[in-house]
């Protein structure tokens, strides 16, 4: 990840959009981080990763409902 002045970071991140069904591949996005769910974590299996993704999505959805 490259850092610029003014605390702007350029890099690759996986972003999940709720209730959105469009194609954004190749588009440039500006993303604002509003809430950290957890630190990076390695998983021993795909099943554990998928379970964590579902938990992360549920926590994020709750966060945005409570705004």
N, C-alpha and C. Protein backbone atom coordinates (compact mmCIF):
# COMPACT_ATOMS: atom_id res chain seq x y z
N UNK A 1 0.85 -1.18 0.00
CA UNK A 1 0.00 0.00 0.00
C UNK A 1 0.89 1.23 0.00
N UNK A 2 0.62 2.15 -0.85
CA UNK A 2 1.39 3.38 -0.93
C UNK A 2 0.70 4.46 -0.11
N UNK A 3 1.49 5.24 0.57
CA UNK A 3 0.94 6.33 1.38
C UNK A 3 1.26 7.66 0.71
N UNK A 4 0.32 8.54 0.71
CA UNK A 4 0.49 9.89 0.18
C UNK A 4 0.37 10.87 1.34
N UNK A 5 0.77 12.09 1.09
CA UNK A 5 0.51 13.12 2.10
C UNK A 5 -1.00 13.24 2.30
N UNK A 6 -1.43 13.84 3.33
CA UNK A 6 -2.85 14.00 3.67
C UNK A 6 -3.50 12.68 4.04
N UNK A 7 -2.71 11.65 4.40
CA UNK A 7 -3.25 10.36 4.87
C UNK A 7 -4.16 9.68 3.87
N UNK A 8 -3.86 9.78 2.60
CA UNK A 8 -4.61 9.08 1.56
C UNK A 8 -3.84 7.82 1.22
N UNK A 9 -4.51 6.69 1.20
CA UNK A 9 -3.85 5.42 0.92
C UNK A 9 -4.39 4.82 -0.36
N UNK A 10 -3.48 4.29 -1.16
CA UNK A 10 -3.86 3.62 -2.38
C UNK A 10 -3.46 2.17 -2.24
N UNK A 11 -4.37 1.26 -2.49
CA UNK A 11 -4.07 -0.16 -2.39
C UNK A 11 -5.27 -0.97 -2.81
N UNK A 12 -5.21 -2.22 -2.52
CA UNK A 12 -6.31 -3.12 -2.88
C UNK A 12 -7.01 -3.58 -1.61
N UNK A 13 -8.30 -3.47 -1.61
CA UNK A 13 -9.11 -3.88 -0.48
C UNK A 13 -10.33 -4.62 -0.99
N UNK A 14 -10.80 -5.55 -0.22
CA UNK A 14 -12.04 -6.24 -0.57
C UNK A 14 -13.18 -5.50 0.12
N UNK A 15 -14.13 -5.04 -0.67
CA UNK A 15 -15.26 -4.26 -0.16
C UNK A 15 -16.55 -5.02 -0.45
N UNK A 16 -17.43 -5.06 0.53
CA UNK A 16 -18.73 -5.71 0.35
C UNK A 16 -19.80 -4.63 0.32
N UNK A 17 -20.62 -4.64 -0.72
CA UNK A 17 -21.73 -3.68 -0.83
C UNK A 17 -23.03 -4.40 -0.51
N UNK A 18 -23.81 -3.86 0.38
CA UNK A 18 -25.11 -4.42 0.72
C UNK A 18 -26.16 -3.92 -0.27
N UNK A 19 -27.04 -4.80 -0.68
CA UNK A 19 -28.17 -4.44 -1.53
C UNK A 19 -27.73 -3.68 -2.78
N UNK A 20 -26.70 -4.17 -3.45
CA UNK A 20 -26.15 -3.53 -4.63
C UNK A 20 -25.89 -4.61 -5.67
N UNK A 21 -26.43 -4.42 -6.87
CA UNK A 21 -26.31 -5.44 -7.90
C UNK A 21 -25.88 -4.82 -9.23
N UNK A 22 -24.73 -4.18 -9.22
CA UNK A 22 -24.16 -3.55 -10.41
C UNK A 22 -22.75 -4.09 -10.61
N UNK A 23 -22.18 -3.85 -11.77
CA UNK A 23 -20.80 -4.25 -12.04
C UNK A 23 -19.89 -3.05 -11.88
N UNK A 24 -18.87 -3.18 -11.05
CA UNK A 24 -17.93 -2.09 -10.80
C UNK A 24 -16.51 -2.43 -11.23
N UNK A 25 -16.30 -3.60 -11.83
CA UNK A 25 -14.95 -4.00 -12.23
C UNK A 25 -14.36 -2.96 -13.17
N UNK A 26 -13.13 -2.57 -12.89
CA UNK A 26 -12.44 -1.58 -13.71
C UNK A 26 -12.73 -0.15 -13.31
N UNK A 27 -13.67 0.05 -12.40
CA UNK A 27 -14.02 1.40 -11.96
C UNK A 27 -13.11 1.83 -10.81
N UNK A 28 -12.89 3.11 -10.70
CA UNK A 28 -12.13 3.65 -9.57
C UNK A 28 -13.14 4.11 -8.51
N UNK A 29 -12.90 3.68 -7.28
CA UNK A 29 -13.81 4.00 -6.18
C UNK A 29 -13.08 4.78 -5.10
N UNK A 30 -13.80 5.63 -4.44
CA UNK A 30 -13.29 6.30 -3.25
C UNK A 30 -14.02 5.69 -2.07
N UNK A 31 -13.28 5.12 -1.15
CA UNK A 31 -13.88 4.38 -0.03
C UNK A 31 -13.49 5.07 1.27
N UNK A 32 -14.45 5.26 2.15
CA UNK A 32 -14.21 5.83 3.46
C UNK A 32 -14.42 4.73 4.50
N UNK A 33 -13.43 4.49 5.32
CA UNK A 33 -13.55 3.49 6.37
C UNK A 33 -14.24 4.13 7.57
N UNK A 34 -15.38 3.58 7.94
CA UNK A 34 -16.17 4.16 9.00
C UNK A 34 -16.08 3.37 10.30
N UNK A 35 -15.75 2.08 10.19
CA UNK A 35 -15.76 1.23 11.38
C UNK A 35 -14.92 -0.01 11.11
N UNK A 36 -14.01 -0.32 11.99
CA UNK A 36 -13.17 -1.51 11.84
C UNK A 36 -13.87 -2.70 12.49
N UNK A 37 -14.01 -3.77 11.73
CA UNK A 37 -14.65 -4.97 12.27
C UNK A 37 -13.68 -5.82 13.07
N UNK A 38 -12.48 -6.05 12.53
CA UNK A 38 -11.51 -6.92 13.19
C UNK A 38 -10.16 -6.78 12.52
N UNK A 39 -9.14 -7.31 13.16
CA UNK A 39 -7.81 -7.36 12.56
C UNK A 39 -7.76 -8.47 11.52
N UNK A 40 -6.73 -8.42 10.68
CA UNK A 40 -6.52 -9.47 9.68
C UNK A 40 -6.30 -10.80 10.39
N UNK A 41 -6.78 -11.86 9.78
CA UNK A 41 -6.73 -13.17 10.42
C UNK A 41 -6.55 -14.24 9.34
N UNK A 42 -5.77 -15.27 9.64
CA UNK A 42 -5.62 -16.41 8.74
C UNK A 42 -6.55 -17.51 9.21
N UNK A 43 -7.07 -18.29 8.27
CA UNK A 43 -8.04 -19.34 8.59
C UNK A 43 -7.50 -20.70 8.20
N UNK A 44 -7.82 -21.69 9.00
CA UNK A 44 -7.35 -23.06 8.76
C UNK A 44 -8.14 -23.79 7.70
N UNK A 45 -9.28 -23.24 7.31
CA UNK A 45 -10.09 -23.90 6.28
C UNK A 45 -10.97 -22.88 5.58
N UNK A 46 -11.42 -23.25 4.40
CA UNK A 46 -12.34 -22.39 3.65
C UNK A 46 -13.65 -22.23 4.43
N UNK A 47 -14.08 -23.28 5.09
CA UNK A 47 -15.34 -23.22 5.85
C UNK A 47 -15.26 -22.19 6.97
N UNK A 48 -14.12 -22.14 7.66
CA UNK A 48 -13.97 -21.14 8.72
C UNK A 48 -13.92 -19.73 8.15
N UNK A 49 -13.27 -19.57 7.00
CA UNK A 49 -13.24 -18.27 6.33
C UNK A 49 -14.64 -17.82 5.94
N UNK A 50 -15.41 -18.71 5.34
CA UNK A 50 -16.78 -18.38 4.92
C UNK A 50 -17.63 -18.02 6.13
N UNK A 51 -17.49 -18.76 7.22
CA UNK A 51 -18.24 -18.44 8.44
C UNK A 51 -17.88 -17.05 8.96
N UNK A 52 -16.59 -16.70 8.92
CA UNK A 52 -16.17 -15.38 9.37
C UNK A 52 -16.69 -14.28 8.46
N UNK A 53 -16.71 -14.53 7.16
CA UNK A 53 -17.26 -13.55 6.22
C UNK A 53 -18.73 -13.28 6.53
N UNK A 54 -19.48 -14.32 6.83
CA UNK A 54 -20.90 -14.14 7.19
C UNK A 54 -21.03 -13.35 8.49
N UNK A 55 -20.18 -13.64 9.48
CA UNK A 55 -20.21 -12.91 10.74
C UNK A 55 -19.83 -11.44 10.52
N UNK A 56 -18.81 -11.20 9.73
CA UNK A 56 -18.40 -9.82 9.43
C UNK A 56 -19.53 -9.06 8.74
N UNK A 57 -20.18 -9.70 7.79
CA UNK A 57 -21.29 -9.05 7.08
C UNK A 57 -22.43 -8.72 8.03
N UNK A 58 -22.74 -9.63 8.94
CA UNK A 58 -23.81 -9.38 9.91
C UNK A 58 -23.44 -8.21 10.83
N UNK A 59 -22.18 -8.16 11.29
CA UNK A 59 -21.75 -7.06 12.15
C UNK A 59 -21.77 -5.73 11.40
N UNK A 60 -21.34 -5.73 10.14
CA UNK A 60 -21.35 -4.50 9.35
C UNK A 60 -22.77 -4.03 9.10
N UNK A 61 -23.67 -4.94 8.77
CA UNK A 61 -25.07 -4.57 8.53
C UNK A 61 -25.68 -3.96 9.79
N UNK A 62 -25.38 -4.54 10.93
CA UNK A 62 -25.88 -3.99 12.21
C UNK A 62 -25.33 -2.60 12.44
N UNK A 63 -24.06 -2.40 12.18
CA UNK A 63 -23.45 -1.07 12.35
C UNK A 63 -24.18 -0.02 11.52
N UNK A 64 -24.43 -0.34 10.25
CA UNK A 64 -25.07 0.64 9.37
C UNK A 64 -26.56 0.84 9.71
N UNK A 65 -27.23 -0.18 10.23
CA UNK A 65 -28.61 0.00 10.67
C UNK A 65 -28.71 0.94 11.85
N UNK A 66 -27.67 0.93 12.68
CA UNK A 66 -27.69 1.75 13.91
C UNK A 66 -27.18 3.17 13.71
N UNK A 67 -26.76 3.53 12.51
CA UNK A 67 -26.27 4.90 12.26
C UNK A 67 -27.38 5.91 12.42
